[in-house]
Structure formats: C-alpha cells, structure tokens
Amino acid sequence: MGGRVIGLVLVSHSAALAAGLAELVAQMAPEVPVVPAGGDVEGGLGTSADRVADALAAADRGAGVVVLYDLGSARMAAELALEFVEPELGERTRLVDASFVEGAVAAGAAAAGGQSLGEVAAAARQSGAAEPAAGAEPGDAAQLGAGAGPIGAAGPGAGSVGAGSGGPPEQPAAGSDGLVPAADAVTARVVLTDPAGLHARPAAAVVRALAGLDATVTVAAGAVEASAASLSALLRLGASAGTEVRVAGSGPDAALAVPRVVAALSAAGAEDAVPVVAANRSGGVGAAPGRRSGPLRRPGAAGIEPPAEPFAGAAAERGRLAAALRQAGEQLVGGGDITEAHRVLLADPELTGAADELIGTGVPAATAWWRVVRRTAEELAASGDAVIAGRAVDVVDVGQRVLGALLGRPVRPEVPAGAVLLADDLAPSLVPELVEAGVVGFVLRAGGVRGHAAVLARAAGVPMVVAAGDALDAVPDGTPVLVDGGTGEVLVSPDEAASAPVAPARTVPRTARVRRADGGDLRLSANVGSVADARAAVAAGAAGVGLVRTELAFTGRSALPGEDEQVEWLSAVLAACPDGPVVVRTVDLGGDKPVPGLRLDQVRHGFLGERGLRLCLARPALFRTHLRAVLRAAVSRPIELMFPFVTEPAELAAARSALASAAESLRADATPFAEPAGVGIMVEIPTAALRPEPFLPDVDFVSVGSNDLVQYLTAADRTVPEVAGVYRSGERLVPGLVAGLVAAAGPAGVPVAVCGDLAGDPECAALLRTAGVAELSMAAPLLAGVRAALAD
C-alpha cells in the first residue's frame, strides 16, 4: 500500500468510545490512520470541533479522510471543524451517515484494501447504516458546509402518516396504500393557527427545531409533502391558516423530533395571534435623528447575474460555493427572526444540494447557485398564496448575497430615490451608496443603535429607526411613511402637518475652532482601519487619529499575517493618516471577529471571555510578532500605543513587559524600530472606568471605548435588537463616568480621550466636552456633524 491511504476520524460524545473503536479498527487495518475525536475540550462527555479539526489533520495522508460520528450533534461538530481546516483538506473530507461501529470497521477494511475516497465512504454507508439523504452524494455536506444530512431528508416511506388528531405523537398504522411504516416512525397532526400560514419565520423555526437530532421528518399539507429540513420546501407547501398538516418522522430521534416540529408550528400560531399591524403608528428605537417621509420600499433584487466563466473543476467550484455560503452567513450576524430565516436558507439542503448536483455536471458554482435560486423563487412566486409568494424575495435576497460573495461584488439593494428603505439589517458599506441614490430614511427590523450602519446614517443626516421588528411587514410597498429617527416612531400614511420638512443642520469650516471645557483646543480625530479610512480622515479635516484598528489586518484570515506583512500593512495606513498624533491600538481580537486562523470560539473568546489583551497575553508568540511589527512600522512616523480590554494593573504590567521584550529583540537583531511616544490603555471595562487610579502611574493617556463600556454596564449586547433600548439607556451613564475619570486622571497629568461611537454623536459629544475630555475620535464621516455642533 502506498503512503496516500484514506484516513478515518471517529467522532463520539465519549472519548473512551472513540478510542476503543479506533483500537478495534486499527487491529483489523493497521496500515490505516484512524484517529479518535471523542469528548469535549476537557475530556468530558460531548464533542469538540477543535478536537475534530486536529484529528482531521492527523488522519490526512493526502488522499482524503472519512469521518463517522455517533450522534447528530457530533456531526455538527464535524461540520464546524471543516470550517477550521485548510480548504484543500475540507474538499477531500467526507462525512458519512453510517452505523458508527459497523461503518468504521467496513471503512477501515476498504481503506486498507486501497480503495478510493468515494469507495471507502460507500463501504461505510452500506454497512447496514441509516439511509443516506435523498439525492445526496458522498461528501455533499462536507463540501457545502450545509445540513445535507439525514434530518428531514425524506426517504421512501418517510412520509407515512398515521391517524393522528392533534394529540401526542403516535405510532402509525398501515397507510391507505397498504404499506406499513417503519417501526420507529412517529406521526402527529397540527392545525396552523398563524394568520399568515406556514411562512418564513415558523418554517425557519421548524428547521431549527431539528438541529442535532438524527431523524427524517416531513411535513405534509394535503397531498404535498416537504422535508422539514428545507425551508424552501416548507414554504412551497403554501399551507395557509387553518390547514391541518401532518408531521411524520422516522429514525433514532423521531420521538423527539416530531414533538419539536409540532411545538414550533403551534408556537408560531400563538405568537402571531395578535394582528401584526393594528394601527397606523409603529416604531422601534431611534438610531439616527431626523424626520423624513417618503414611500416605503423594500429592497429589490440587486441585479447581479453570474457571468460566463470557465469551469474550474468540481472540487474547486464546490469549494467556492462553500466559502461563499460561509461568508454570507458571517454577514448575517445578529438580527431577528427574519435574519434567522435567511441564515436557515443558507443551509437549506434543497438549495445547496441542487447547486451541488449542477456543479457535478460541469456548471460553474455561480451559475449553478443562481439557477437554483431563480427556480426556487419562481416556484414560490407562483404560489396561490400571497404570503408564500412574497417569500420569493427572501430567497432572492439570500441568493444575491451568496452570489455577491462568489463573484467578489457587494450586493446593493435597488431602492428608488425619495424612498424610505425597510430591511432586515443593512451592511454599513451600503449606507453611503443608498443615501447617494436618494434614500431619505431607513427602518430596520433588526440593527443596533451603535451599529456601524446607524453611525453612517447619523453622519449622512438621514434618519434611521432600528429594532422595528415586523411592525411594517403588512404595509404595502409605496405606502407613505414618516420616519422619526429621534423618537424611533414610524407613522404610516402621515398627514400633511406631520410630514413638514425640518431645517437642515448648519455647516462650519473644517478649520473652525472647537474648545475644551478648560478653554484649550479640543482635538477632533478619526478612527481608521485601512488606508481608505485614513484618506477619508484627511478629507474630513481630522486633527489626528485616535484609534488605528490593527485587528483589521487579521480578520477573515485563515493564515495569520506574518511580521513583515503586518509592517507593510501598518506602514501604509500610517503613511496615509492626517497630520497630528496617531494612536495605534494593539490587536483586539475576540470570538465576534472572524479570524479562521485562530479558531476563536464565540463563548470562550466572546464578550465575557478571553479576548483583547487577555488573548494576546495567552498567546505570547502572536503578541510578540505583532508588537515587533508595530515598533518597526513606527519608524515611518511617531505613534502612541494603546492596549485594549485591560481589566487589572497586572495585565498592563505584563503588556508593557512584552513591549519591552519585543523592543529588545529588535535591538538584538539590529532591526530598525521606534519606541512609541506614549503608552496608554483603552478604558472599556467598568472596573477600569470606576477605579482608574491603579493604572495611572503606568500610562501616558487613557481613551474610553464607549461601545463596550456601555455594553458591560448594561449587560446588553449592542448588536441584539431586542435590547437596543436598554443599551441606549446605558449611554446616559457615560458622560458622568468620563467626568469621574477626568477628575482622577487630571492630577496625574494623564489626558482622557473618547474613541467610541458616542464621540461621534453631537449631543453626547457636547456632554463629553463638558466632562473635560481632551480628544474625541470618531468615524471620519461624523466629524462634520460634531464640529458643527461644538464649534464656536
């Protein structure tokens, strides 16, 4: 046997079970690399994507890896692990739905016999295991990163329905066709009470209800049956309010799966029993002040069409599509039920499976994906139910997002000039484009008051209301609405008096003087994270840069940037910055910032976990490389250095020690570098804000990161629309905290700056000036508004 043998990875909730099975297979096939991946990160019962990713790398000999797993959530861990590994390894990995023990033994024997990747996977699958997903080919799920597994993949007979009557799930009798359902089949009936029928949100709830379960579940309305794992298939049922639907499940977890689906369908009806819009007045949370009126418009199709392009091979095209699906999913952060429904669509096995089949016939990924999206949207649009037909826009919306990712083109909604845009959420980059196109107001079902979209809307002077939920979903396109971005109110069909225009804000020259509370000059600076940001800061008349976000050189990277690359990136940014002081923040990474190369976890490295400076101190090699790069880039122009997310003085001391060590190593290497002109900390944790004295002897300045500070003060995630009001209430605490910080830092000669979003809010900026800050740093587009509000 040559060296390129197929490897096996055994994923189990039990480390002992995985190890024991690996030992068994190894005795039968000693030449085959068999790597167990059992238990959670601490060795307890559970699974770990990190363990699976490491096992994949260990089992791979270049010919591919077959992964078998014991329970449904183990499969989820394996799918997540595929996002961590190198794309090439992911492409030659197959997740196989098979009996765990028999499948592993059969796969081991096939691999030992020198069979191909597909043959080894087939041997495992044919070992008496569960039936494969309908229409699925070996490795489909692994390649697409989508839920093309057994859940909801209707097999023959899976839709058999008993004589249920809305009560508990029951074991069915023989059907009218005389066939006897499988012994483990469970069925139930439920009457839809949702006034809108089985639309996107309850359908998404059904799909989510099956997560982690090993069951095949279908939902049938009349003679039409749909896989419960496919949102688009559920929508095509066209089931309206009052329809009795039949839920049928089979497989090991059917007894759990069917009640969950019934509960999801029933809960949707209970939630929406109240009419969606009962009056002409609705609202959310004001995020950008101003009152403007115009016809309500939902974003139309962006109009991107796949170009003619060569076929790069099935593996490469599948890899492109998988990457685009992941990218589109990362863009759908936060949000409410609608956004969640869009996320579910991205994993819809009917969409991804059909696209995969087309790719298998030689169709490039972009064309394959768009054909499937268009076909699905057309089928929905042809539904006799207006609500279901209306969901075609959701499919197109998601489809365009993926298509844009495939083609490297941003997706811009099409909205006519003078309109008020209603959307789930909005990419910040689209706000200036839409304003330029003539949009006069924004209403977002989700969004946050301190989201970047809101920041840019304020900068543009266009009112925005966020966290509006579904209050306007029943309002037809073209209906006049008035948006009040100050109060968060949206008026439907307002009268003439309410629609009266307001006077525009004043403008002042970029050279206008802005005074501090003590009479000196208040520096208005910009936050930057790229050369383009730095140039925008120059154009906006920034007096310096209060924050350089170095983590933007890391985000989205599967391979971390090396020292030379970081030097090149940061030097280019520094060269483009405006005259004046420049504060470089050391890399501020966490689970909310995608860096595939670091395998960060959203919980362990989340807002309350190991992030920011904590993460850097826990990974000294990464920190050392970064600090060396910053010091080398500082040769091009003087900088000040700021450490983020500092909780206690010991962390600051460790960070300063690491900085000194990095400088010493450069000195020993005879590599040119420059020490920072000052060292400070970012105050964004309440412990540092409320008790700054222990830090002051070791810093030259402090800068308040108001976004995180408010978040931790209020225990309200700024990206979650449901707590947007709580978050905004917490912002009122910041000026008082900053005043206390100034009072403590003043005697020590330590200036206080603010570089969070509150610095760019004219009303808050005035309060912060009164509190005694020396600098306000903000997104460049906000400088004009703050300058106009504070200038003499």
Foldseek 3Di string as FASTA:
>chain_A
DDQQFEAEEEEEQAQVVQVVLQVVLCVVQVSAHYHYQYHDPVRHGDGALVSLLVSLVVRGSPQAYEYEYAFQVSVVSPLVNLLQHDLVRLLRYWYAQAHRRQLSNQLSVCRSVVDHSQVSNVSSNPSPGDDFAVLDGTRLCSLQSFPSGQELRDDVLQPDFAPADQDAWDQHQQDPVRDGGDPQKTKHKDAFQQQAFLFLLLLLQLLVLCRGHRKHKWKAFPPQIGRSNASLRSLLNVGHGGTMIMMMMGDDCNSRSRVSNNCSRVVNNVVRVDPLADDQKFFAAFQAAFKAKFWEDEFFQLPDADDDDFQPALSVQSNLLSVLLVVLLLVLPAFDSLSSSLNSNSNRCQQSSQLSVVSVVGDHNLNSNVVSLVVSLVSQLPDPRPSSNVCNRSSSVSSVSSSCSSVVHDRATDDAARYEYEEQDDDLVRLVVVVVRHHQEYEHCAFFSQDSNSLVCNLVNHIYGHNRHCSCVPPDGRFMWMAGSHGRMIGTNDDPVSNDGDDDFDFDDLPFFFAFLVGHGFFEAAADAALVLQLLRVVLNHQEYPEHALQVQQFPASDGDFLVRSLVGVLSNVVSHDDHAYEYEQHWDFPSGHRSNVPHDCPQRHLPHQTFLSVCLVVVVVVLSRLLSVQLSCVNDAHEYEGEDDQDVVSVVSSVVSNVVSVVVCVVVVRDGHDHPWYYYEDQDVNCLVDVQVVQVPGQAYEYALQNNLCNVQVHHRRHSVCSVSSVVSSVCVLVSLLVVCVNNVVSNYAYEYEYSLLLPQVSVVSNSNSGHRYRYYRSSSSRVNCSSRGD
